[in-house]
Amino acid sequence: MSESRFERYLVATNRAVVFLMMAVMATLVFINVVSRYALNVSIIWAEEVSQYLMIWIAYLGAGLALREGRHVAVEMLQDRLPAASGRRVRMVVGGLLLVFLGVVTVLGFQFAVFVWNQETPVLNISLGIPSLAIPLGALLFAVHLAFIFRRYVRKEYTPG
């Protein structure tokens, strides 16, 4: 089963956003280090922005890591079972993961709403903005999993 046009677009966009965030973060940290040691002047907001970018990168990149087989997985049991039983185990594991991601999405949105009126220490932006990385990342992870679920259960999915 090949990827749909929307799925390819989603993956490409997700990769581009994560790449852009990583580039901005690396550039910002580099400039801040050079500025601190060469000019003895630190960019006061650079550390906070870098921390929030790292949070967004981790959550938005989790679904991509799933697609590329970069998450830790213990497959010994399902590999030793007969094919039909292995498929059932993968179906249960995938289903439980989707339920977990649904819970994280809902609770993450509730948390972001809860902290929305609080401000970050340096940037003075809503704490809800960095907190939105949790539910949006979990939702995006669930979408990536939903796209590969059938192939994963049938063990037809090859990461990458």
Protein backbone atom coordinates (compact mmCIF):
# COMPACT_ATOMS: atom_id res chain seq x y z
CA MET A 1 0.00 0.00 0.00
CA SER A 2 1.57 3.26 -1.07
CA GLU A 3 1.40 6.56 0.74
CA SER A 4 -1.35 8.97 -0.20
CA ARG A 5 -0.60 12.42 -1.52
CA PHE A 6 -1.79 13.94 1.77
CA GLU A 7 0.42 11.58 3.77
CA ARG A 8 3.49 12.50 1.71
CA TYR A 9 2.66 16.20 2.14
CA LEU A 10 2.19 15.76 5.91
CA VAL A 11 5.51 13.95 6.30
CA ALA A 12 7.38 16.48 4.15
CA THR A 13 5.84 19.42 6.01
CA ASN A 14 6.53 17.82 9.40
CA ARG A 15 10.16 17.22 8.42
CA ALA A 16 10.56 20.76 7.12
CA VAL A 17 9.13 22.33 10.29
CA VAL A 18 11.34 20.20 12.55
CA PHE A 19 14.38 20.96 10.39
CA LEU A 20 13.65 24.69 10.41
CA MET A 21 13.21 24.69 14.20
CA MET A 22 16.50 22.81 14.62
CA ALA A 23 18.30 25.24 12.33
CA VAL A 24 16.92 28.26 14.18
CA MET A 25 17.80 26.74 17.55
CA ALA A 26 21.36 25.81 16.51
CA THR A 27 21.94 29.23 14.95
CA LEU A 28 20.58 31.03 17.99
CA VAL A 29 22.72 29.01 20.41
CA PHE A 30 25.82 29.51 18.23
CA ILE A 31 25.28 33.28 17.99
CA ASN A 32 24.66 33.50 21.73
CA VAL A 33 27.84 31.56 22.58
CA VAL A 34 29.96 33.65 20.21
CA SER A 35 28.37 36.84 21.51
CA ARG A 36 28.92 35.82 25.12
CA TYR A 37 32.59 34.91 24.74
CA ALA A 38 33.69 37.34 22.02
CA LEU A 39 31.71 40.43 23.02
CA ASN A 40 30.92 39.58 26.64
CA VAL A 41 27.24 40.23 25.84
CA SER A 42 24.59 37.55 26.19
CA ILE A 43 21.29 37.49 24.32
CA ILE A 44 18.95 37.37 27.29
CA TRP A 45 16.08 35.56 25.55
CA ALA A 46 18.17 33.03 23.58
CA GLU A 47 18.17 30.32 26.25
CA GLU A 48 14.41 30.42 26.77
CA VAL A 49 13.68 30.37 23.03
CA SER A 50 16.11 27.46 22.60
CA GLN A 51 14.43 25.49 25.38
CA TYR A 52 10.97 25.98 23.90
CA LEU A 53 12.21 25.10 20.42
CA MET A 54 13.74 21.90 21.81
CA ILE A 55 10.39 20.96 23.35
CA TRP A 56 8.59 21.56 20.04
CA ILE A 57 11.26 19.63 18.11
CA ALA A 58 10.96 16.62 20.43
CA TYR A 59 7.16 16.45 20.27
CA LEU A 60 6.80 17.20 16.56
CA GLY A 61 9.63 14.82 15.71
CA ALA A 62 8.24 11.84 17.64
CA GLY A 63 5.87 10.82 14.84
CA LEU A 64 8.66 11.06 12.29
CA ALA A 65 10.87 8.91 14.52
CA LEU A 66 8.08 6.29 14.58
CA ARG A 67 7.97 6.23 10.78
CA GLU A 68 11.73 5.78 10.63
CA GLY A 69 11.82 3.02 13.26
CA ARG A 70 13.84 5.12 15.70
CA HIS A 71 11.81 4.40 18.84
CA VAL A 72 12.88 1.61 21.15
CA ALA A 73 10.83 -1.52 20.50
CA VAL A 74 10.87 -4.96 22.05
CA GLU A 75 9.75 -7.31 19.30
CA MET A 76 11.06 -10.60 20.63
CA LEU A 77 7.64 -11.89 21.73
CA GLN A 78 5.81 -11.02 18.53
CA ASP A 79 8.65 -12.42 16.42
CA ARG A 80 8.51 -15.78 18.22
CA LEU A 81 4.74 -16.13 17.94
CA PRO A 82 2.94 -17.63 14.95
CA ALA A 83 2.17 -15.00 12.29
CA ALA A 84 -1.51 -14.60 13.24
CA SER A 85 -0.71 -14.20 16.94
CA GLY A 86 2.05 -11.71 16.16
CA ARG A 87 -0.44 -9.64 14.15
CA ARG A 88 -2.84 -9.65 17.09
CA VAL A 89 -0.09 -8.52 19.47
CA ARG A 90 0.88 -5.70 17.09
CA MET A 91 -2.79 -4.72 16.77
CA VAL A 92 -3.18 -4.52 20.56
CA VAL A 93 0.09 -2.60 20.96
CA GLY A 94 -0.86 -0.14 18.22
CA GLY A 95 -4.37 0.24 19.62
CA LEU A 96 -3.08 0.90 23.13
CA LEU A 97 -0.62 3.42 21.76
CA LEU A 98 -3.44 5.25 19.93
CA VAL A 99 -5.50 5.33 23.14
CA PHE A 100 -2.50 6.64 25.09
CA LEU A 101 -1.86 9.33 22.48
CA GLY A 102 -5.54 10.30 22.62
CA VAL A 103 -5.31 10.72 26.40
CA VAL A 104 -2.09 12.76 26.10
CA THR A 105 -3.73 14.95 23.45
CA VAL A 106 -6.80 15.68 25.58
CA LEU A 107 -4.86 16.22 28.82
CA GLY A 108 -2.24 18.25 26.98
CA PHE A 109 -4.87 20.63 25.61
CA GLN A 110 -6.40 20.91 29.08
CA PHE A 111 -2.98 21.74 30.53
CA ALA A 112 -2.27 24.34 27.82
CA VAL A 113 -5.60 26.02 28.57
CA PHE A 114 -4.85 25.87 32.31
CA VAL A 115 -1.50 27.70 31.93
CA TRP A 116 -2.58 30.01 29.10
CA ASN A 117 -2.78 33.10 31.34
CA GLN A 118 0.68 32.54 32.83
CA GLU A 119 3.66 34.20 31.17
CA THR A 120 7.11 32.85 30.50
CA PRO A 121 9.89 34.47 32.58
CA VAL A 122 11.87 36.24 29.86
CA LEU A 123 9.76 36.41 26.69
CA ASN A 124 6.54 37.26 28.53
CA ILE A 125 4.49 35.12 26.14
CA SER A 126 1.73 32.78 27.21
CA LEU A 127 3.06 29.58 28.78
CA GLY A 128 0.32 27.89 26.79
CA ILE A 129 2.30 28.36 23.57
CA PRO A 130 5.21 26.05 24.49
CA SER A 131 2.72 23.77 26.29
CA LEU A 132 0.77 23.25 23.06
CA ALA A 133 3.71 21.17 21.80
CA ILE A 134 2.50 18.29 23.98
CA PRO A 135 -1.03 17.82 22.60
CA LEU A 136 -0.15 18.81 19.04
CA GLY A 137 2.84 16.47 19.03
CA ALA A 138 0.75 13.60 20.44
CA LEU A 139 -1.98 14.25 17.87
CA LEU A 140 0.56 14.32 15.04
CA PHE A 141 2.15 11.12 16.39
CA ALA A 142 -1.30 9.47 16.35
CA VAL A 143 -1.87 10.61 12.75
CA HIS A 144 1.50 9.13 11.70
CA LEU A 145 0.62 5.89 13.50
CA ALA A 146 -2.83 5.77 11.89
CA PHE A 147 -1.24 6.08 8.44
CA ILE A 148 1.14 3.15 8.99
CA PHE A 149 -1.08 1.06 11.32
CA ARG A 150 -2.28 -1.55 8.80
CA ARG A 151 1.20 -2.06 7.39
CA TYR A 152 2.63 -2.27 10.93
CA VAL A 153 0.11 -4.92 11.99
CA ARG A 154 0.78 -6.99 8.86
CA LYS A 155 4.52 -6.46 9.34
CA GLU A 156 4.67 -4.96 5.86
CA TYR A 157 5.94 -1.61 7.09
CA THR A 158 9.59 -0.89 6.53
CA PRO A 159 10.71 2.25 8.36
CA GLY A 160 12.39 5.03 6.48
